[in-house]
C-alpha atoms as a PDB file:
ATOM      1  CA  MET A   1    -161.163  46.022   6.659  1.00  0.00           C
ATOM      2  CA  PRO A   2    -161.565  49.492   5.143  1.00  0.00           C
ATOM      3  CA  VAL A   3    -158.982  50.798   2.721  1.00  0.00           C
ATOM      4  CA  LEU A   4    -159.176  54.340   4.142  1.00  0.00           C
ATOM      5  CA  TYR A   5    -159.321  54.977   7.856  1.00  0.00           C
ATOM      6  CA  GLY A   6    -159.396  58.399   9.465  1.00  0.00           C
ATOM      7  CA  ALA A   7    -160.656  61.940   8.999  1.00  0.00           C
ATOM      8  CA  GLU A   8    -163.679  62.505   6.787  1.00  0.00           C
ATOM      9  CA  ASP A   9    -165.064  65.632   5.115  1.00  0.00           C
ATOM     10  CA  SER A  10    -162.006  67.693   5.933  1.00  0.00           C
ATOM     11  CA  ALA A  11    -161.440  71.112   4.383  1.00  0.00           C
ATOM     12  CA  LEU A  12    -157.666  70.856   4.886  1.00  0.00           C
ATOM     13  CA  PRO A  13    -155.369  70.636   1.837  1.00  0.00           C
ATOM     14  CA  VAL A  14    -154.490  67.019   1.071  1.00  0.00           C
ATOM     15  CA  ARG A  15    -150.914  65.740   1.277  1.00  0.00           C
ATOM     16  CA  TYR A  16    -149.888  62.208   0.232  1.00  0.00           C
ATOM     17  CA  GLY A  17    -147.210  60.254   2.052  1.00  0.00           C
ATOM     18  CA  CYS A  18    -145.797  56.746   2.163  1.00  0.00           C
ATOM     19  CA  ASP A  19    -145.130  55.376   5.634  1.00  0.00           C
ATOM     20  CA  ASP A  20    -143.185  52.412   6.952  1.00  0.00           C
ATOM     21  CA  GLU A  21    -140.726  51.400   9.593  1.00  0.00           C
ATOM     22  CA  THR A  22    -137.456  49.532   9.291  1.00  0.00           C
ATOM     23  CA  ARG A  23    -134.948  47.928  11.606  1.00  0.00           C
ATOM     24  CA  PHE A  24    -131.287  48.948  11.756  1.00  0.00           C
ATOM     25  CA  GLY A  25    -129.072  46.652  13.771  1.00  0.00           C
ATOM     26  CA  LEU A  26    -125.525  45.558  14.434  1.00  0.00           C
ATOM     27  CA  LYS A  27    -125.993  42.397  12.350  1.00  0.00           C
ATOM     28  CA  THR A  28    -124.065  42.790   9.098  1.00  0.00           C
ATOM     29  CA  ILE A  29    -126.131  43.687   6.024  1.00  0.00           C
ATOM     30  CA  PRO A  30    -124.861  41.406   3.241  1.00  0.00           C
ATOM     31  CA  ARG A  31    -124.926  42.479  -0.394  1.00  0.00           C
ATOM     32  CA  ARG A  32    -123.230  41.229  -3.537  1.00  0.00           C
ATOM     33  CA  LEU A  33    -119.472  41.622  -3.814  1.00  0.00           C
ATOM     34  CA  ILE A  34    -117.461  41.795  -7.017  1.00  0.00           C
ATOM     35  CA  THR A  35    -114.610  39.281  -7.203  1.00  0.00           C
ATOM     36  CA  LEU A  36    -112.536  37.566  -9.845  1.00  0.00           C
ATOM     37  CA  PRO A  37    -114.238  34.637 -11.592  1.00  0.00           C
ATOM     38  CA  GLY A  38    -114.031  31.506  -9.470  1.00  0.00           C
ATOM     39  CA  THR A  39    -113.083  33.425  -6.329  1.00  0.00           C
ATOM     40  CA  LYS A  40    -115.392  33.103  -3.363  1.00  0.00           C
ATOM     41  CA  PRO A  41    -116.047  36.523  -1.817  1.00  0.00           C
ATOM     42  CA  LEU A  42    -114.894  36.913   1.767  1.00  0.00           C
ATOM     43  CA  ALA A  43    -116.212  39.600   4.063  1.00  0.00           C
ATOM     44  CA  PRO A  44    -116.340  40.053   7.828  1.00  0.00           C
ATOM     45  CA  VAL A  45    -119.724  39.396   9.436  1.00  0.00           C
ATOM     46  CA  GLN A  46    -121.123  39.966  12.897  1.00  0.00           C
ATOM     47  CA  TRP A  47    -124.361  38.591  14.376  1.00  0.00           C
ATOM     48  CA  PRO A  48    -125.340  40.573  17.507  1.00  0.00           C
ATOM     49  CA  PHE A  49    -129.057  41.227  17.876  1.00  0.00           C
ATOM     50  CA  LYS A  50    -129.080  44.840  19.015  1.00  0.00           C
ATOM     51  CA  ALA A  51    -131.184  47.206  16.958  1.00  0.00           C
ATOM     52  CA  PHE A  52    -133.398  50.261  16.731  1.00  0.00           C
ATOM     53  CA  TYR A  53    -136.323  51.106  14.476  1.00  0.00           C
ATOM     54  CA  LEU A  54    -136.717  54.061  12.182  1.00  0.00           C
ATOM     55  CA  TYR A  55    -140.273  55.138  11.395  1.00  0.00           C
ATOM     56  CA  GLY A  56    -140.571  57.286   8.304  1.00  0.00           C
ATOM     57  CA  ALA A  57    -142.910  59.018   5.893  1.00  0.00           C
ATOM     58  CA  VAL A  58    -141.956  60.414   2.506  1.00  0.00           C
ATOM     59  CA  ASP A  59    -143.858  62.485  -0.035  1.00  0.00           C
ATOM     60  CA  PRO A  60    -143.008  61.169  -3.535  1.00  0.00           C
ATOM     61  CA  LEU A  61    -144.253  64.408  -5.096  1.00  0.00           C
ATOM     62  CA  SER A  62    -142.220  66.967  -3.130  1.00  0.00           C
ATOM     63  CA  GLY A  63    -139.472  64.778  -1.673  1.00  0.00           C
ATOM     64  CA  GLU A  64    -140.308  65.902   1.867  1.00  0.00           C
ATOM     65  CA  SER A  65    -139.597  63.404   4.625  1.00  0.00           C
ATOM     66  CA  PHE A  66    -140.253  62.820   8.309  1.00  0.00           C
ATOM     67  CA  PHE A  67    -138.390  60.274  10.468  1.00  0.00           C
ATOM     68  CA  LEU A  68    -138.485  59.209  14.110  1.00  0.00           C
ATOM     69  CA  GLU A  69    -136.331  56.650  15.889  1.00  0.00           C
ATOM     70  CA  PHE A  70    -137.686  54.141  18.405  1.00  0.00           C
ATOM     71  CA  SER A  71    -136.136  51.286  20.356  1.00  0.00           C
ATOM     72  CA  HIS A  72    -138.836  48.837  19.253  1.00  0.00           C
ATOM     73  CA  HIS A  73    -141.851  48.418  16.981  1.00  0.00           C
ATOM     74  CA  ASP A  74    -145.332  48.325  18.493  1.00  0.00           C
ATOM     75  CA  SER A  75    -148.619  50.226  18.550  1.00  0.00           C
ATOM     76  CA  ASP A  76    -147.433  52.576  21.320  1.00  0.00           C
ATOM     77  CA  CYS A  77    -144.507  53.727  19.179  1.00  0.00           C
ATOM     78  CA  PHE A  78    -146.789  54.026  16.157  1.00  0.00           C
ATOM     79  CA  GLN A  79    -149.202  56.163  18.195  1.00  0.00           C
ATOM     80  CA  ILE A  80    -146.391  58.562  19.157  1.00  0.00           C
ATOM     81  CA  TYR A  81    -145.198  58.615  15.554  1.00  0.00           C
ATOM     82  CA  LEU A  82    -148.680  59.514  14.237  1.00  0.00           C
ATOM     83  CA  GLU A  83    -149.068  62.270  16.824  1.00  0.00           C
ATOM     84  CA  GLN A  84    -145.702  63.761  15.829  1.00  0.00           C
ATOM     85  CA  LEU A  85    -146.607  63.491  12.136  1.00  0.00           C
ATOM     86  CA  ALA A  86    -149.920  65.268  12.791  1.00  0.00           C
ATOM     87  CA  GLN A  87    -148.084  68.041  14.657  1.00  0.00           C
ATOM     88  CA  ARG A  88    -145.612  68.386  11.789  1.00  0.00           C
ATOM     89  CA  TYR A  89    -148.473  69.085   9.346  1.00  0.00           C
ATOM     90  CA  PRO A  90    -151.189  70.766  11.445  1.00  0.00           C
ATOM     91  CA  HIS A  91    -152.728  72.640   8.502  1.00  0.00           C
ATOM     92  CA  ASP A  92    -152.738  69.711   6.064  1.00  0.00           C
ATOM     93  CA  LEU A  93    -154.578  66.416   5.737  1.00  0.00           C
ATOM     94  CA  PRO A  94    -151.886  63.778   5.223  1.00  0.00           C
ATOM     95  CA  ILE A  95    -153.175  60.634   3.526  1.00  0.00           C
ATOM     96  CA  VAL A  96    -150.629  58.059   4.599  1.00  0.00           C
ATOM     97  CA  GLN A  97    -150.117  54.840   2.617  1.00  0.00           C
ATOM     98  CA  LEU A  98    -148.927  52.018   4.843  1.00  0.00           C
ATOM     99  CA  ASP A  99    -148.823  48.266   5.143  1.00  0.00           C
ATOM    100  CA  ASN A 100    -151.076  46.084   7.279  1.00  0.00           C
ATOM    101  CA  ALA A 101    -148.721  45.619  10.226  1.00  0.00           C
ATOM    102  CA  ARG A 102    -150.526  44.663  13.412  1.00  0.00           C
ATOM    103  CA  SER A 103    -149.399  47.871  15.119  1.00  0.00           C
ATOM    104  CA  HIS A 104    -151.195  49.896  12.419  1.00  0.00           C
ATOM    105  CA  TRP A 105    -154.528  48.242  13.288  1.00  0.00           C
ATOM    106  CA  ALA A 106    -154.308  48.157  17.089  1.00  0.00           C
ATOM    107  CA  LYS A 107    -157.673  48.767  18.762  1.00  0.00           C
ATOM    108  CA  LYS A 108    -156.125  51.163  21.256  1.00  0.00           C
ATOM    109  CA  LEU A 109    -154.747  53.348  18.442  1.00  0.00           C
ATOM    110  CA  GLU A 110    -156.194  56.873  18.539  1.00  0.00           C
ATOM    111  CA  LEU A 111    -155.832  58.448  15.136  1.00  0.00           C
ATOM    112  CA  PRO A 112    -155.111  62.205  15.117  1.00  0.00           C
ATOM    113  CA  GLU A 113    -157.899  64.242  13.531  1.00  0.00           C
ATOM    114  CA  ASN A 114    -155.830  65.391  10.567  1.00  0.00           C
ATOM    115  CA  ILE A 115    -154.399  61.982   9.546  1.00  0.00           C
ATOM    116  CA  VAL A 116    -155.972  59.486   7.122  1.00  0.00           C
ATOM    117  CA  LEU A 117    -154.515  55.983   6.861  1.00  0.00           C
ATOM    118  CA  MET A 118    -154.677  54.236   3.480  1.00  0.00           C
ATOM    119  CA  PHE A 119    -153.808  50.559   3.745  1.00  0.00           C
ATOM    120  CA  GLN A 120    -152.142  48.837   0.822  1.00  0.00           C
ATOM    121  CA  LEU A 121    -152.810  45.254  -0.205  1.00  0.00           C
ATOM    122  CA  PRO A 122    -151.506  42.652   2.260  1.00  0.00           C
ATOM    123  CA  TYR A 123    -148.096  41.094   1.581  1.00  0.00           C
ATOM    124  CA  SER A 124    -147.158  43.658  -1.064  1.00  0.00           C
ATOM    125  CA  PRO A 125    -144.244  45.753   0.221  1.00  0.00           C
ATOM    126  CA  GLU A 126    -143.225  46.505  -3.365  1.00  0.00           C
ATOM    127  CA  LEU A 127    -146.243  48.845  -3.591  1.00  0.00           C
ATOM    128  CA  ASN A 128    -144.865  51.111  -0.878  1.00  0.00           C
ATOM    129  CA  PRO A 129    -142.267  53.507  -2.329  1.00  0.00           C
ATOM    130  CA  ILE A 130    -140.516  54.082   1.000  1.00  0.00           C
ATOM    131  CA  GLU A 131    -139.215  50.496   0.769  1.00  0.00           C
ATOM    132  CA  ARG A 132    -136.843  51.713  -1.966  1.00  0.00           C
ATOM    133  CA  LEU A 133    -135.574  54.423   0.374  1.00  0.00           C
ATOM    134  CA  TRP A 134    -134.854  51.826   3.077  1.00  0.00           C
ATOM    135  CA  GLN A 135    -132.945  49.735   0.510  1.00  0.00           C
ATOM    136  CA  HIS A 136    -130.993  52.804  -0.589  1.00  0.00           C
ATOM    137  CA  MET A 137    -129.979  53.478   3.015  1.00  0.00           C
ATOM    138  CA  LYS A 138    -129.126  49.851   3.786  1.00  0.00           C
ATOM    139  CA  ASN A 139    -127.017  49.590   0.634  1.00  0.00           C
ATOM    140  CA  GLN A 140    -124.806  52.308   2.119  1.00  0.00           C
ATOM    141  CA  LEU A 141    -124.483  50.253   5.314  1.00  0.00           C
ATOM    142  CA  SER A 142    -123.734  46.919   3.657  1.00  0.00           C
ATOM    143  CA  TRP A 143    -120.677  45.040   4.899  1.00  0.00           C
ATOM    144  CA  VAL A 144    -119.967  47.776   7.481  1.00  0.00           C
ATOM    145  CA  LEU A 145    -119.310  46.502  11.001  1.00  0.00           C
ATOM    146  CA  PHE A 146    -120.488  48.766  13.807  1.00  0.00           C
ATOM    147  CA  SER A 147    -119.197  48.207  17.319  1.00  0.00           C
ATOM    148  CA  THR A 148    -122.066  50.044  19.038  1.00  0.00           C
ATOM    149  CA  LEU A 149    -125.625  51.114  18.313  1.00  0.00           C
ATOM    150  CA  ASP A 150    -124.534  54.709  18.862  1.00  0.00           C
ATOM    151  CA  SER A 151    -122.057  54.537  15.984  1.00  0.00           C
ATOM    152  CA  LEU A 152    -124.754  52.982  13.785  1.00  0.00           C
ATOM    153  CA  ARG A 153    -127.237  55.707  14.838  1.00  0.00           C
ATOM    154  CA  GLN A 154    -124.703  58.373  13.940  1.00  0.00           C
ATOM    155  CA  THR A 155    -124.120  56.879  10.488  1.00  0.00           C
ATOM    156  CA  VAL A 156    -127.864  56.489   9.838  1.00  0.00           C
ATOM    157  CA  GLY A 157    -128.323  60.112  10.932  1.00  0.00           C
ATOM    158  CA  GLU A 158    -125.643  61.219   8.473  1.00  0.00           C
ATOM    159  CA  ILE A 159    -127.333  59.262   5.674  1.00  0.00           C
ATOM    160  CA  LEU A 160    -130.657  60.925   6.523  1.00  0.00           C
ATOM    161  CA  GLN A 161    -129.046  64.377   6.545  1.00  0.00           C
ATOM    162  CA  ASP A 162    -127.513  63.720   3.133  1.00  0.00           C
ATOM    163  CA  LEU A 163    -130.882  62.783   1.617  1.00  0.00           C
ATOM    164  CA  THR A 164    -132.115  65.541  -0.650  1.00  0.00           C
ATOM    165  CA  PRO A 165    -135.708  66.012  -1.797  1.00  0.00           C
ATOM    166  CA  GLN A 166    -134.482  65.182  -5.316  1.00  0.00           C
ATOM    167  CA  THR A 167    -133.083  61.834  -4.131  1.00  0.00           C
ATOM    168  CA  ILE A 168    -136.294  61.007  -2.286  1.00  0.00           C
ATOM    169  CA  ARG A 169    -138.406  61.925  -5.326  1.00  0.00           C
ATOM    170  CA  SER A 170    -136.164  59.822  -7.548  1.00  0.00           C
ATOM    171  CA  LEU A 171    -136.428  56.784  -5.267  1.00  0.00           C
ATOM    172  CA  THR A 172    -140.116  57.032  -4.369  1.00  0.00           C
ATOM    173  CA  GLY A 173    -141.764  58.738  -7.343  1.00  0.00           C
ATOM    174  CA  TYR A 174    -143.413  55.689  -8.890  1.00  0.00           C
ATOM    175  CA  PRO A 175    -145.068  56.767 -12.171  1.00  0.00           C
ATOM    176  CA  PHE A 176    -148.434  55.226 -11.259  1.00  0.00           C
ATOM    177  CA  ILE A 177    -148.513  57.152  -7.965  1.00  0.00           C
ATOM    178  CA  LEU A 178    -147.462  60.454  -9.537  1.00  0.00           C
ATOM    179  CA  SER A 179    -150.085  59.994 -12.255  1.00  0.00           C
ATOM    180  CA  ALA A 180    -152.803  59.253  -9.683  1.00  0.00           C
ATOM    181  CA  LEU A 181    -151.817  62.295  -7.615  1.00  0.00           C
ATOM    182  CA  LYS A 182    -151.926  64.479 -10.724  1.00  0.00           C
ATOM    183  CA  HIS A 183    -155.395  63.219 -11.645  1.00  0.00           C
ATOM    184  CA  ALA A 184    -156.564  63.776  -8.056  1.00  0.00           C
ATOM    185  CA  ASN A 185    -155.177  67.339  -8.116  1.00  0.00           C
ATOM    186  CA  ILE A 186    -152.913  66.677  -5.140  1.00  0.00           C
END
């Protein structure tokens, strides 16, 4: 399994991004609650299994981001996502760090010419900076009960609109990545 997969010998300027997808659903997102000592925290919970997926890429250096929503997670959705990402940066060569999800390795996947996939070590989500962004977003949704997917979509959209490049850089700018990008002149 190669670490890099995609365009070779490109003269396009290189751009680094971290890619992942996450699920947002009507099931309550639990987090810690502050209570008096000895008091068991009580919070309303709901369990419906209705959800959508948000595919995203962030640039830890500039704080730029790109997100697309899908109803499910498979190689067809990932193909559409990659095509949209390639169209977003037609004059750049995005090197995209991502995990080893099955949809990322599908044989039918046709990689756009200006996209390079860089796979991280298996079972190591902590290496992908966008995971911190997902946690940041889900922390804002914790203990909130949504009656419909549309209301959840609206809230997620508002959270995305409120994200600034500074916030994204702060969440995703791991020192080892920034140092590597500096040494690579990216």
